[in-house]
C-alpha atoms as a PDB file:
ATOM      1  CA  MET A   1     226.686  90.597 104.507  1.00  0.00           C
ATOM      2  CA  ASP A   2     228.552  89.934 101.734  1.00  0.00           C
ATOM      3  CA  GLN A   3     229.560  86.489 101.723  1.00  0.00           C
ATOM      4  CA  SER A   4     232.877  85.971 100.314  1.00  0.00           C
ATOM      5  CA  TYR A   5     233.773  89.146 102.881  1.00  0.00           C
ATOM      6  CA  SER A   6     232.285  87.107 105.717  1.00  0.00           C
ATOM      7  CA  LYS A   7     233.629  83.627 105.186  1.00  0.00           C
ATOM      8  CA  SER A   8     236.934  85.318 104.946  1.00  0.00           C
ATOM      9  CA  LEU A   9     236.988  86.261 108.534  1.00  0.00           C
ATOM     10  CA  ASN A  10     238.731  84.273 110.668  1.00  0.00           C
ATOM     11  CA  PRO A  11     237.222  83.166 113.826  1.00  0.00           C
ATOM     12  CA  ASN A  12     239.520  85.246 116.426  1.00  0.00           C
ATOM     13  CA  LEU A  13     238.029  88.493 114.305  1.00  0.00           C
ATOM     14  CA  LYS A  14     234.650  87.394 114.525  1.00  0.00           C
ATOM     15  CA  LEU A  15     234.790  86.783 118.662  1.00  0.00           C
ATOM     16  CA  PHE A  16     236.240  90.336 118.560  1.00  0.00           C
ATOM     17  CA  LEU A  17     233.840  91.975 116.332  1.00  0.00           C
ATOM     18  CA  SER A  18     231.319  89.986 118.567  1.00  0.00           C
ATOM     19  CA  LEU A  19     232.426  91.352 121.323  1.00  0.00           C
ATOM     20  CA  ALA A  20     232.961  94.777 120.549  1.00  0.00           C
ATOM     21  CA  ILE A  21     229.484  95.526 119.068  1.00  0.00           C
ATOM     22  CA  THR A  22     227.615  93.817 122.231  1.00  0.00           C
ATOM     23  CA  LEU A  23     229.708  96.254 124.830  1.00  0.00           C
ATOM     24  CA  LEU A  24     229.408  99.439 122.379  1.00  0.00           C
ATOM     25  CA  VAL A  25     225.743  99.018 122.476  1.00  0.00           C
ATOM     26  CA  GLY A  26     226.504  98.901 126.411  1.00  0.00           C
ATOM     27  CA  PHE A  27     228.823 101.682 126.116  1.00  0.00           C
ATOM     28  CA  GLY A  28     226.106 103.434 124.530  1.00  0.00           C
ATOM     29  CA  ALA A  29     223.252 102.435 126.898  1.00  0.00           C
ATOM     30  CA  GLY A  30     226.138 103.148 129.837  1.00  0.00           C
ATOM     31  CA  PHE A  31     226.484 106.723 128.337  1.00  0.00           C
ATOM     32  CA  ALA A  32     222.288 107.442 127.669  1.00  0.00           C
ATOM     33  CA  THR A  33     221.580 106.435 130.999  1.00  0.00           C
ATOM     34  CA  SER A  34     224.827 107.944 133.085  1.00  0.00           C
ATOM     35  CA  SER A  35     223.248 111.916 133.154  1.00  0.00           C
ATOM     36  CA  ALA A  36     220.122 110.886 134.261  1.00  0.00           C
ATOM     37  CA  ILE A  37     221.018 108.543 137.357  1.00  0.00           C
ATOM     38  CA  GLY A  38     221.045 111.589 139.913  1.00  0.00           C
ATOM     39  CA  THR A  39     218.905 113.392 138.519  1.00  0.00           C
ATOM     40  CA  TRP A  40     215.496 112.702 136.891  1.00  0.00           C
ATOM     41  CA  TYR A  41     215.944 108.513 137.832  1.00  0.00           C
ATOM     42  CA  ALA A  42     216.533 110.003 141.128  1.00  0.00           C
ATOM     43  CA  GLY A  43     213.409 111.507 141.959  1.00  0.00           C
ATOM     44  CA  LEU A  44     210.917 108.589 140.323  1.00  0.00           C
ATOM     45  CA  ASN A  45     209.290 106.408 142.828  1.00  0.00           C
ATOM     46  CA  LYS A  46     210.620 102.939 143.062  1.00  0.00           C
ATOM     47  CA  PRO A  47     209.334  99.558 143.915  1.00  0.00           C
ATOM     48  CA  PHE A  48     210.828  98.050 146.837  1.00  0.00           C
ATOM     49  CA  PHE A  49     212.947  95.686 144.790  1.00  0.00           C
ATOM     50  CA  ASN A  50     214.677  97.869 143.027  1.00  0.00           C
ATOM     51  CA  PRO A  51     218.585  97.151 142.905  1.00  0.00           C
ATOM     52  CA  PRO A  52     221.068  99.570 144.123  1.00  0.00           C
ATOM     53  CA  ASN A  53     222.311 101.777 141.025  1.00  0.00           C
ATOM     54  CA  TRP A  54     225.766 100.185 141.082  1.00  0.00           C
ATOM     55  CA  LEU A  55     224.982  97.054 141.024  1.00  0.00           C
ATOM     56  CA  PHE A  56     223.542  97.869 136.852  1.00  0.00           C
ATOM     57  CA  ALA A  57     226.884  98.334 135.431  1.00  0.00           C
ATOM     58  CA  PRO A  58     228.229  95.188 136.458  1.00  0.00           C
ATOM     59  CA  VAL A  59     225.451  92.964 135.284  1.00  0.00           C
ATOM     60  CA  TRP A  60     225.184  94.539 131.831  1.00  0.00           C
ATOM     61  CA  THR A  61     228.680  94.457 131.194  1.00  0.00           C
ATOM     62  CA  ILE A  62     228.855  90.920 131.898  1.00  0.00           C
ATOM     63  CA  LEU A  63     225.344  90.208 129.891  1.00  0.00           C
ATOM     64  CA  TYR A  64     227.292  92.084 126.820  1.00  0.00           C
ATOM     65  CA  ILE A  65     229.863  89.985 127.179  1.00  0.00           C
ATOM     66  CA  LEU A  66     227.681  86.796 127.393  1.00  0.00           C
ATOM     67  CA  MET A  67     225.510  88.257 124.519  1.00  0.00           C
ATOM     68  CA  GLY A  68     228.853  88.857 122.470  1.00  0.00           C
ATOM     69  CA  ILE A  69     229.932  84.948 122.932  1.00  0.00           C
ATOM     70  CA  SER A  70     226.780  83.817 122.059  1.00  0.00           C
ATOM     71  CA  CYS A  71     226.914  85.660 118.850  1.00  0.00           C
ATOM     72  CA  TYR A  72     230.162  84.191 117.892  1.00  0.00           C
ATOM     73  CA  PHE A  73     229.142  80.661 118.664  1.00  0.00           C
ATOM     74  CA  VAL A  74     226.272  81.375 115.997  1.00  0.00           C
ATOM     75  CA  TRP A  75     228.348  83.414 113.640  1.00  0.00           C
ATOM     76  CA  LYS A  76     231.095  80.761 113.456  1.00  0.00           C
ATOM     77  CA  GLN A  77     228.690  78.829 111.789  1.00  0.00           C
ATOM     78  CA  PRO A  78     228.602  77.528 108.061  1.00  0.00           C
ATOM     79  CA  GLU A  79     226.720  80.266 106.521  1.00  0.00           C
ATOM     80  CA  THR A  80     223.282  79.687 105.585  1.00  0.00           C
ATOM     81  CA  SER A  81     220.219  81.619 105.224  1.00  0.00           C
ATOM     82  CA  LYS A  82     218.608  80.220 108.442  1.00  0.00           C
ATOM     83  CA  ARG A  83     222.224  81.226 110.435  1.00  0.00           C
ATOM     84  CA  ASN A  84     222.341  84.660 108.981  1.00  0.00           C
ATOM     85  CA  VAL A  85     218.434  85.211 109.982  1.00  0.00           C
ATOM     86  CA  ALA A  86     219.214  84.461 113.561  1.00  0.00           C
ATOM     87  CA  LEU A  87     221.730  87.149 113.219  1.00  0.00           C
ATOM     88  CA  PHE A  88     219.912  89.580 112.203  1.00  0.00           C
ATOM     89  CA  VAL A  89     217.204  88.955 114.730  1.00  0.00           C
ATOM     90  CA  PHE A  90     220.268  89.173 117.192  1.00  0.00           C
ATOM     91  CA  ALA A  91     220.703  92.723 116.035  1.00  0.00           C
ATOM     92  CA  VAL A  92     217.202  93.653 116.053  1.00  0.00           C
ATOM     93  CA  GLN A  93     217.246  92.888 119.678  1.00  0.00           C
ATOM     94  CA  LEU A  94     220.254  94.086 120.214  1.00  0.00           C
ATOM     95  CA  ALA A  95     219.173  97.570 118.684  1.00  0.00           C
ATOM     96  CA  LEU A  96     216.081  97.280 120.706  1.00  0.00           C
ATOM     97  CA  ASN A  97     218.108  97.104 124.056  1.00  0.00           C
ATOM     98  CA  GLY A  98     220.047 100.116 123.154  1.00  0.00           C
ATOM     99  CA  MET A  99     217.142 102.141 122.307  1.00  0.00           C
ATOM    100  CA  TRP A 100     215.534 101.386 125.591  1.00  0.00           C
ATOM    101  CA  SER A 101     218.040 103.009 127.678  1.00  0.00           C
ATOM    102  CA  ILE A 102     217.520 106.003 125.209  1.00  0.00           C
ATOM    103  CA  ILE A 103     213.595 105.939 125.551  1.00  0.00           C
ATOM    104  CA  PHE A 104     213.532 105.667 129.331  1.00  0.00           C
ATOM    105  CA  PHE A 105     216.538 107.329 130.513  1.00  0.00           C
ATOM    106  CA  ASN A 106     216.963 110.460 127.752  1.00  0.00           C
ATOM    107  CA  PHE A 107     213.362 111.114 126.883  1.00  0.00           C
ATOM    108  CA  HIS A 108     212.432 109.950 130.511  1.00  0.00           C
ATOM    109  CA  GLN A 109     209.075 108.050 128.209  1.00  0.00           C
ATOM    110  CA  VAL A 110     208.815 105.352 131.234  1.00  0.00           C
ATOM    111  CA  GLY A 111     205.580 103.759 129.392  1.00  0.00           C
ATOM    112  CA  TRP A 112     207.023 103.603 125.598  1.00  0.00           C
ATOM    113  CA  ALA A 113     210.095 101.845 127.426  1.00  0.00           C
ATOM    114  CA  LEU A 114     208.024  99.503 129.025  1.00  0.00           C
ATOM    115  CA  VAL A 115     206.768  98.765 125.402  1.00  0.00           C
ATOM    116  CA  ASP A 116     210.007  98.687 124.203  1.00  0.00           C
ATOM    117  CA  ILE A 117     211.236  96.391 126.386  1.00  0.00           C
ATOM    118  CA  VAL A 118     208.232  93.810 126.040  1.00  0.00           C
ATOM    119  CA  LEU A 119     209.523  93.382 122.679  1.00  0.00           C
ATOM    120  CA  LEU A 120     213.007  93.491 123.558  1.00  0.00           C
ATOM    121  CA  TRP A 121     211.654  90.397 125.329  1.00  0.00           C
ATOM    122  CA  VAL A 122     209.876  88.818 122.704  1.00  0.00           C
ATOM    123  CA  MET A 123     213.108  89.034 120.190  1.00  0.00           C
ATOM    124  CA  ILE A 124     215.246  87.286 123.154  1.00  0.00           C
ATOM    125  CA  LEU A 125     212.916  84.714 123.001  1.00  0.00           C
ATOM    126  CA  ILE A 126     213.177  84.424 119.254  1.00  0.00           C
ATOM    127  CA  THR A 127     216.901  84.969 119.073  1.00  0.00           C
ATOM    128  CA  MET A 128     216.975  81.815 121.405  1.00  0.00           C
ATOM    129  CA  TYR A 129     214.985  79.904 119.158  1.00  0.00           C
ATOM    130  CA  LEU A 130     216.313  80.734 116.582  1.00  0.00           C
ATOM    131  CA  PHE A 131     220.445  80.294 118.118  1.00  0.00           C
ATOM    132  CA  SER A 132     218.985  76.660 119.514  1.00  0.00           C
ATOM    133  CA  GLN A 133     219.158  75.515 115.682  1.00  0.00           C
ATOM    134  CA  HIS A 134     222.928  76.202 115.353  1.00  0.00           C
ATOM    135  CA  SER A 135     224.273  76.194 118.967  1.00  0.00           C
ATOM    136  CA  LYS A 136     223.365  75.181 122.131  1.00  0.00           C
ATOM    137  CA  VAL A 137     226.167  76.865 123.766  1.00  0.00           C
ATOM    138  CA  ALA A 138     224.836  80.187 122.366  1.00  0.00           C
ATOM    139  CA  VAL A 139     221.408  79.633 123.557  1.00  0.00           C
ATOM    140  CA  TRP A 140     222.460  78.714 127.204  1.00  0.00           C
ATOM    141  CA  LEU A 141     224.803  82.196 127.473  1.00  0.00           C
ATOM    142  CA  LEU A 142     221.761  84.167 126.999  1.00  0.00           C
ATOM    143  CA  TYR A 143     219.671  82.629 129.989  1.00  0.00           C
ATOM    144  CA  PRO A 144     220.835  85.235 131.809  1.00  0.00           C
ATOM    145  CA  TYR A 145     220.218  87.960 129.626  1.00  0.00           C
ATOM    146  CA  PHE A 146     216.795  86.682 129.185  1.00  0.00           C
ATOM    147  CA  PHE A 147     216.035  86.380 132.931  1.00  0.00           C
ATOM    148  CA  TRP A 148     217.581  89.855 134.121  1.00  0.00           C
ATOM    149  CA  VAL A 149     215.259  91.860 130.958  1.00  0.00           C
ATOM    150  CA  SER A 150     212.266  89.442 132.197  1.00  0.00           C
ATOM    151  CA  PHE A 151     213.070  91.526 135.429  1.00  0.00           C
ATOM    152  CA  ALA A 152     213.957  94.840 134.061  1.00  0.00           C
ATOM    153  CA  SER A 153     210.442  94.306 132.207  1.00  0.00           C
ATOM    154  CA  VAL A 154     208.680  94.243 135.940  1.00  0.00           C
ATOM    155  CA  LEU A 155     210.680  96.935 137.133  1.00  0.00           C
ATOM    156  CA  ASN A 156     209.947  99.250 134.529  1.00  0.00           C
ATOM    157  CA  GLY A 157     206.807  98.464 134.616  1.00  0.00           C
ATOM    158  CA  ALA A 158     206.313  98.924 138.167  1.00  0.00           C
ATOM    159  CA  ILE A 159     208.051 102.468 137.839  1.00  0.00           C
ATOM    160  CA  LEU A 160     205.536 103.276 135.363  1.00  0.00           C
ATOM    161  CA  TYR A 161     202.348 102.057 137.919  1.00  0.00           C
ATOM    162  CA  LEU A 162     204.452 104.356 140.765  1.00  0.00           C
ATOM    163  CA  ASN A 163     205.076 107.755 138.682  1.00  0.00           C
END
């Protein structure tokens, strides 16, 4: 992003954009997911610890909001190359997040989805490390996301194993 443009954005606009971008990814993931829930996904063998389908949308909505706020806490810091790298890594993990739903629910590629979610998990850890250099609050806001993706990785692996 152009430095002069980034500096000209007021904090409220940065917060709005941070939330809007993460929620837009979440909306896209939800859209990709919705058509397969009652059809393909319903026919899969799932482990005993698979949560009920209704739980995923509210959990993910909260996580996308927390991710957006976390991003904001770093984005509002003075622009440096370290901050920009942290935001770039955040964007990469967000892209991996959105791709998981497409790979799993649209392409029905449970194995490749597992590869994606493991990469996502690693990128979340890297994001947390990089964010820690700018805002402790930003890191704490990502912990629920990290734990949920850890659980989702195990769930993805179990679904792959059972099918």
